[in-house]
């Protein structure tokens, strides 16, 4: 059973926690993607097969992503918001709930 992620810390801390689980998160958000060395690759934010969008899975840049076809980029909080839509507050709530099950 998933539990709520603690409502504490900054958005930066939340992004760092998400980055520690980047591969699992990418697998859930972008299931048509695949691991390619240190990256999760998929066609776009819509999730089709391809390799235009890359999310860094490891290292100091873990959680950073870029869509090389559109120029869009950001961290995993941005990725969640782009995929799910909604407000920043909705995105943070979703991320905290997801981390509650990932920890």
N, C-alpha and C. Protein backbone atom coordinates (compact mmCIF):
# COMPACT_ATOMS: atom_id res chain seq x y z
N UNK A 1 0.84 -1.18 0.00
CA UNK A 1 0.00 0.00 0.00
C UNK A 1 0.88 1.24 0.00
N UNK A 2 0.55 2.17 -0.87
CA UNK A 2 1.30 3.41 -0.90
C UNK A 2 0.86 4.31 0.24
N UNK A 3 1.82 5.03 0.78
CA UNK A 3 1.52 5.99 1.83
C UNK A 3 1.91 7.36 1.32
N UNK A 4 1.47 8.38 1.99
CA UNK A 4 1.80 9.73 1.57
C UNK A 4 3.25 10.04 1.89
N UNK A 5 3.91 10.70 0.96
CA UNK A 5 5.26 11.20 1.18
C UNK A 5 5.15 12.36 2.16
N UNK A 6 6.06 12.48 3.10
CA UNK A 6 5.95 13.55 4.10
C UNK A 6 5.86 14.92 3.46
N UNK A 7 5.01 15.75 3.97
CA UNK A 7 4.83 17.11 3.48
C UNK A 7 5.86 18.00 4.15
N UNK A 8 7.10 17.81 3.79
CA UNK A 8 8.18 18.59 4.38
C UNK A 8 9.26 18.79 3.33
N UNK A 9 10.12 19.70 3.60
CA UNK A 9 11.23 19.93 2.68
C UNK A 9 10.83 20.81 1.51
N UNK A 10 11.81 21.17 0.78
CA UNK A 10 11.61 22.07 -0.35
C UNK A 10 11.30 21.30 -1.62
N UNK A 11 10.90 22.03 -2.63
CA UNK A 11 10.68 21.43 -3.95
C UNK A 11 12.00 20.87 -4.48
N UNK A 12 13.09 21.51 -4.16
CA UNK A 12 14.41 21.01 -4.57
C UNK A 12 14.68 19.64 -3.92
N UNK A 13 14.33 19.50 -2.65
CA UNK A 13 14.48 18.20 -1.97
C UNK A 13 13.58 17.15 -2.62
N UNK A 14 12.37 17.53 -2.97
CA UNK A 14 11.44 16.61 -3.63
C UNK A 14 12.01 16.17 -4.97
N UNK A 15 12.54 17.10 -5.75
CA UNK A 15 13.14 16.76 -7.04
C UNK A 15 14.33 15.81 -6.86
N UNK A 16 15.13 16.03 -5.83
CA UNK A 16 16.27 15.15 -5.56
C UNK A 16 15.80 13.75 -5.17
N UNK A 17 14.72 13.67 -4.37
CA UNK A 17 14.18 12.37 -4.01
C UNK A 17 13.63 11.65 -5.24
N UNK A 18 12.95 12.36 -6.11
CA UNK A 18 12.46 11.76 -7.35
C UNK A 18 13.63 11.26 -8.20
N UNK A 19 14.70 12.03 -8.26
CA UNK A 19 15.86 11.66 -9.08
C UNK A 19 16.47 10.34 -8.61
N UNK A 20 16.40 10.06 -7.33
CA UNK A 20 16.92 8.79 -6.81
C UNK A 20 16.10 7.60 -7.30
N UNK A 21 14.92 7.87 -7.80
CA UNK A 21 14.02 6.82 -8.30
C UNK A 21 13.66 7.07 -9.77
N UNK A 22 14.58 7.72 -10.49
CA UNK A 22 14.29 8.17 -11.85
C UNK A 22 13.87 7.03 -12.78
N UNK A 23 14.54 5.91 -12.73
CA UNK A 23 14.21 4.83 -13.66
C UNK A 23 12.80 4.28 -13.39
N UNK A 24 12.45 4.07 -12.13
CA UNK A 24 11.11 3.57 -11.80
C UNK A 24 10.04 4.59 -12.21
N UNK A 25 10.31 5.86 -11.97
CA UNK A 25 9.35 6.90 -12.33
C UNK A 25 9.17 6.97 -13.84
N UNK A 26 10.28 6.93 -14.57
CA UNK A 26 10.20 6.97 -16.03
C UNK A 26 9.45 5.76 -16.57
N UNK A 27 9.69 4.61 -15.98
CA UNK A 27 8.98 3.41 -16.40
C UNK A 27 7.48 3.54 -16.24
N UNK A 28 7.06 4.25 -15.19
CA UNK A 28 5.63 4.46 -14.96
C UNK A 28 5.07 5.55 -15.86
N UNK A 29 5.78 6.67 -15.96
CA UNK A 29 5.27 7.80 -16.75
C UNK A 29 5.39 7.59 -18.25
N UNK A 30 6.45 6.91 -18.67
CA UNK A 30 6.76 6.75 -20.10
C UNK A 30 7.06 5.28 -20.39
N UNK A 31 6.05 4.40 -20.27
CA UNK A 31 6.30 2.96 -20.36
C UNK A 31 6.77 2.47 -21.73
N UNK A 32 6.59 3.24 -22.79
CA UNK A 32 7.08 2.83 -24.10
C UNK A 32 8.57 3.11 -24.26
N UNK A 33 9.16 3.79 -23.27
CA UNK A 33 10.58 4.11 -23.31
C UNK A 33 11.43 2.91 -22.96
N UNK A 34 12.74 3.15 -23.01
CA UNK A 34 13.69 2.08 -22.70
C UNK A 34 14.95 2.70 -22.10
N UNK A 35 15.63 1.90 -21.30
CA UNK A 35 16.90 2.35 -20.75
C UNK A 35 17.96 2.24 -21.84
N UNK A 36 18.76 3.28 -21.96
CA UNK A 36 19.86 3.33 -22.91
C UNK A 36 21.06 3.90 -22.15
N UNK A 37 21.86 3.00 -21.59
CA UNK A 37 22.98 3.38 -20.73
C UNK A 37 22.48 4.21 -19.55
N UNK A 38 22.86 5.47 -19.46
CA UNK A 38 22.50 6.30 -18.32
C UNK A 38 21.22 7.11 -18.55
N UNK A 39 20.47 6.78 -19.59
CA UNK A 39 19.28 7.56 -19.95
C UNK A 39 18.06 6.67 -20.14
N UNK A 40 16.89 7.25 -19.93
CA UNK A 40 15.61 6.66 -20.35
C UNK A 40 15.25 7.40 -21.62
N UNK A 41 15.02 6.68 -22.70
CA UNK A 41 14.72 7.30 -23.99
C UNK A 41 13.32 6.93 -24.45
N UNK A 42 12.65 7.93 -24.99
CA UNK A 42 11.29 7.77 -25.51
C UNK A 42 11.10 8.83 -26.59
N UNK A 43 10.05 8.68 -27.38
CA UNK A 43 9.84 9.58 -28.52
C UNK A 43 9.53 11.02 -28.15
N UNK A 44 8.68 11.22 -27.13
CA UNK A 44 8.29 12.57 -26.72
C UNK A 44 7.55 12.51 -25.39
N UNK A 45 7.07 13.63 -24.95
CA UNK A 45 6.28 13.68 -23.72
C UNK A 45 4.97 12.91 -23.86
N UNK A 46 4.54 12.67 -25.10
CA UNK A 46 3.33 11.87 -25.33
C UNK A 46 3.59 10.39 -25.07
N UNK A 47 4.86 10.00 -25.05
CA UNK A 47 5.23 8.65 -24.66
C UNK A 47 5.36 7.63 -25.76
N UNK A 48 5.34 8.06 -27.02
CA UNK A 48 5.49 7.06 -28.08
C UNK A 48 6.94 6.58 -28.18
N UNK A 49 7.11 5.46 -28.84
CA UNK A 49 8.46 4.92 -29.02
C UNK A 49 9.32 5.91 -29.79
N UNK A 50 10.60 5.88 -29.50
CA UNK A 50 11.55 6.76 -30.16
C UNK A 50 12.67 7.12 -29.21
N UNK A 51 13.42 8.16 -29.56
CA UNK A 51 14.56 8.51 -28.70
C UNK A 51 14.79 10.02 -28.62
N UNK A 52 13.83 10.83 -29.02
CA UNK A 52 14.01 12.27 -28.99
C UNK A 52 14.07 12.83 -27.58
N UNK A 53 13.34 12.20 -26.64
CA UNK A 53 13.34 12.67 -25.27
C UNK A 53 14.25 11.76 -24.45
N UNK A 54 15.14 12.37 -23.69
CA UNK A 54 16.07 11.60 -22.86
C UNK A 54 16.02 12.12 -21.43
N UNK A 55 15.91 11.20 -20.48
CA UNK A 55 15.94 11.53 -19.05
C UNK A 55 17.18 10.90 -18.45
N UNK A 56 18.00 11.69 -17.81
CA UNK A 56 19.21 11.19 -17.18
C UNK A 56 18.83 10.39 -15.93
N UNK A 57 19.32 9.17 -15.81
CA UNK A 57 18.95 8.28 -14.71
C UNK A 57 19.95 8.23 -13.58
N UNK A 58 21.19 8.59 -13.84
CA UNK A 58 22.25 8.45 -12.84
C UNK A 58 23.12 9.69 -12.78
N UNK A 59 23.93 9.75 -11.75
CA UNK A 59 24.92 10.82 -11.63
C UNK A 59 24.34 12.12 -11.12
N UNK A 60 25.16 13.14 -11.16
CA UNK A 60 24.79 14.46 -10.63
C UNK A 60 23.61 15.08 -11.38
N UNK A 61 23.41 14.69 -12.63
CA UNK A 61 22.32 15.24 -13.44
C UNK A 61 21.09 14.32 -13.48
N UNK A 62 21.05 13.31 -12.61
CA UNK A 62 19.90 12.40 -12.59
C UNK A 62 18.61 13.20 -12.44
N UNK A 63 17.63 12.83 -13.25
CA UNK A 63 16.33 13.50 -13.22
C UNK A 63 16.20 14.64 -14.20
N UNK A 64 17.28 15.09 -14.78
CA UNK A 64 17.21 16.15 -15.79
C UNK A 64 16.80 15.51 -17.11
N UNK A 65 15.94 16.19 -17.87
CA UNK A 65 15.47 15.65 -19.13
C UNK A 65 15.47 16.72 -20.19
N UNK A 66 15.50 16.29 -21.44
CA UNK A 66 15.42 17.20 -22.58
C UNK A 66 14.74 16.47 -23.74
N UNK A 67 13.88 17.19 -24.42
CA UNK A 67 13.28 16.70 -25.66
C UNK A 67 14.01 17.43 -26.77
N UNK A 68 14.86 16.72 -27.48
CA UNK A 68 15.72 17.34 -28.48
C UNK A 68 14.96 17.79 -29.72
N UNK A 69 13.73 17.31 -29.92
CA UNK A 69 12.92 17.74 -31.06
C UNK A 69 12.25 19.09 -30.78
N UNK A 70 11.89 19.34 -29.52
CA UNK A 70 11.15 20.57 -29.20
C UNK A 70 11.96 21.59 -28.42
N UNK A 71 13.03 21.15 -27.78
CA UNK A 71 13.82 22.04 -26.94
C UNK A 71 13.31 22.11 -25.50
N UNK A 72 12.20 21.41 -25.19
CA UNK A 72 11.68 21.38 -23.83
C UNK A 72 12.67 20.64 -22.92
N UNK A 73 12.76 21.06 -21.67
CA UNK A 73 13.68 20.42 -20.73
C UNK A 73 13.28 20.78 -19.31
N UNK A 74 13.86 20.08 -18.34
CA UNK A 74 13.59 20.40 -16.95
C UNK A 74 14.01 19.27 -16.04
N UNK A 75 13.39 19.27 -14.84
CA UNK A 75 13.65 18.20 -13.89
C UNK A 75 12.44 17.27 -13.85
N UNK A 76 12.43 16.31 -12.95
CA UNK A 76 11.35 15.33 -12.93
C UNK A 76 10.02 15.94 -12.50
N UNK A 77 10.04 16.99 -11.71
CA UNK A 77 8.79 17.67 -11.36
C UNK A 77 8.19 18.29 -12.62
N UNK A 78 9.03 18.90 -13.44
CA UNK A 78 8.56 19.46 -14.72
C UNK A 78 8.01 18.35 -15.62
N UNK A 79 8.70 17.21 -15.64
CA UNK A 79 8.27 16.09 -16.48
C UNK A 79 6.88 15.59 -16.05
N UNK A 80 6.70 15.43 -14.75
CA UNK A 80 5.39 15.00 -14.24
C UNK A 80 4.31 15.99 -14.64
N UNK A 81 4.58 17.26 -14.49
CA UNK A 81 3.58 18.28 -14.83
C UNK A 81 3.28 18.28 -16.31
N UNK A 82 4.29 18.13 -17.14
CA UNK A 82 4.07 18.09 -18.59
C UNK A 82 3.21 16.89 -18.98
N UNK A 83 3.42 15.77 -18.33
CA UNK A 83 2.69 14.55 -18.68
C UNK A 83 1.28 14.55 -18.10
N UNK A 84 1.14 14.93 -16.83
CA UNK A 84 -0.16 14.87 -16.17
C UNK A 84 -0.97 16.16 -16.27
N UNK A 85 -0.31 17.27 -16.57
CA UNK A 85 -1.03 18.55 -16.58
C UNK A 85 -1.33 18.99 -15.16
N UNK A 86 -2.21 19.94 -15.03
CA UNK A 86 -2.58 20.44 -13.70
C UNK A 86 -1.66 21.54 -13.22
N UNK A 87 -1.88 21.91 -11.99
CA UNK A 87 -1.11 22.99 -11.38
C UNK A 87 0.19 22.44 -10.80
N UNK A 88 1.06 23.34 -10.42
CA UNK A 88 2.29 22.94 -9.74
C UNK A 88 1.94 22.24 -8.43
N UNK A 89 0.95 22.76 -7.72
CA UNK A 89 0.53 22.14 -6.45
C UNK A 89 0.04 20.71 -6.69
N UNK A 90 -0.75 20.50 -7.75
CA UNK A 90 -1.21 19.14 -8.09
C UNK A 90 -0.03 18.22 -8.38
N UNK A 91 0.94 18.75 -9.10
CA UNK A 91 2.12 17.97 -9.46
C UNK A 91 2.90 17.57 -8.22
N UNK A 92 3.09 18.50 -7.31
CA UNK A 92 3.82 18.21 -6.07
C UNK A 92 3.08 17.17 -5.24
N UNK A 93 1.76 17.29 -5.16
CA UNK A 93 0.97 16.29 -4.42
C UNK A 93 1.12 14.92 -5.06
N UNK A 94 1.05 14.84 -6.39
CA UNK A 94 1.20 13.57 -7.09
C UNK A 94 2.57 12.97 -6.81
N UNK A 95 3.61 13.80 -6.90
CA UNK A 95 4.99 13.33 -6.68
C UNK A 95 5.16 12.81 -5.25
N UNK A 96 4.62 13.52 -4.29
CA UNK A 96 4.72 13.06 -2.90
C UNK A 96 4.00 11.74 -2.69
N UNK A 97 2.82 11.60 -3.28
CA UNK A 97 2.09 10.32 -3.17
C UNK A 97 2.90 9.21 -3.82
N UNK A 98 3.45 9.48 -5.02
CA UNK A 98 4.22 8.45 -5.73
C UNK A 98 5.45 8.04 -4.92
N UNK A 99 6.14 9.00 -4.36
CA UNK A 99 7.32 8.67 -3.56
C UNK A 99 6.97 7.89 -2.31
N UNK A 100 5.80 8.10 -1.78
CA UNK A 100 5.37 7.33 -0.61
C UNK A 100 5.40 5.84 -0.89
N UNK A 101 5.13 5.46 -2.14
CA UNK A 101 5.19 4.06 -2.53
C UNK A 101 6.56 3.64 -3.02
N UNK A 102 7.40 4.60 -3.38
CA UNK A 102 8.70 4.27 -3.96
C UNK A 102 9.79 4.18 -2.91
N UNK A 103 9.56 4.71 -1.71
CA UNK A 103 10.61 4.72 -0.69
C UNK A 103 10.76 3.38 -0.02
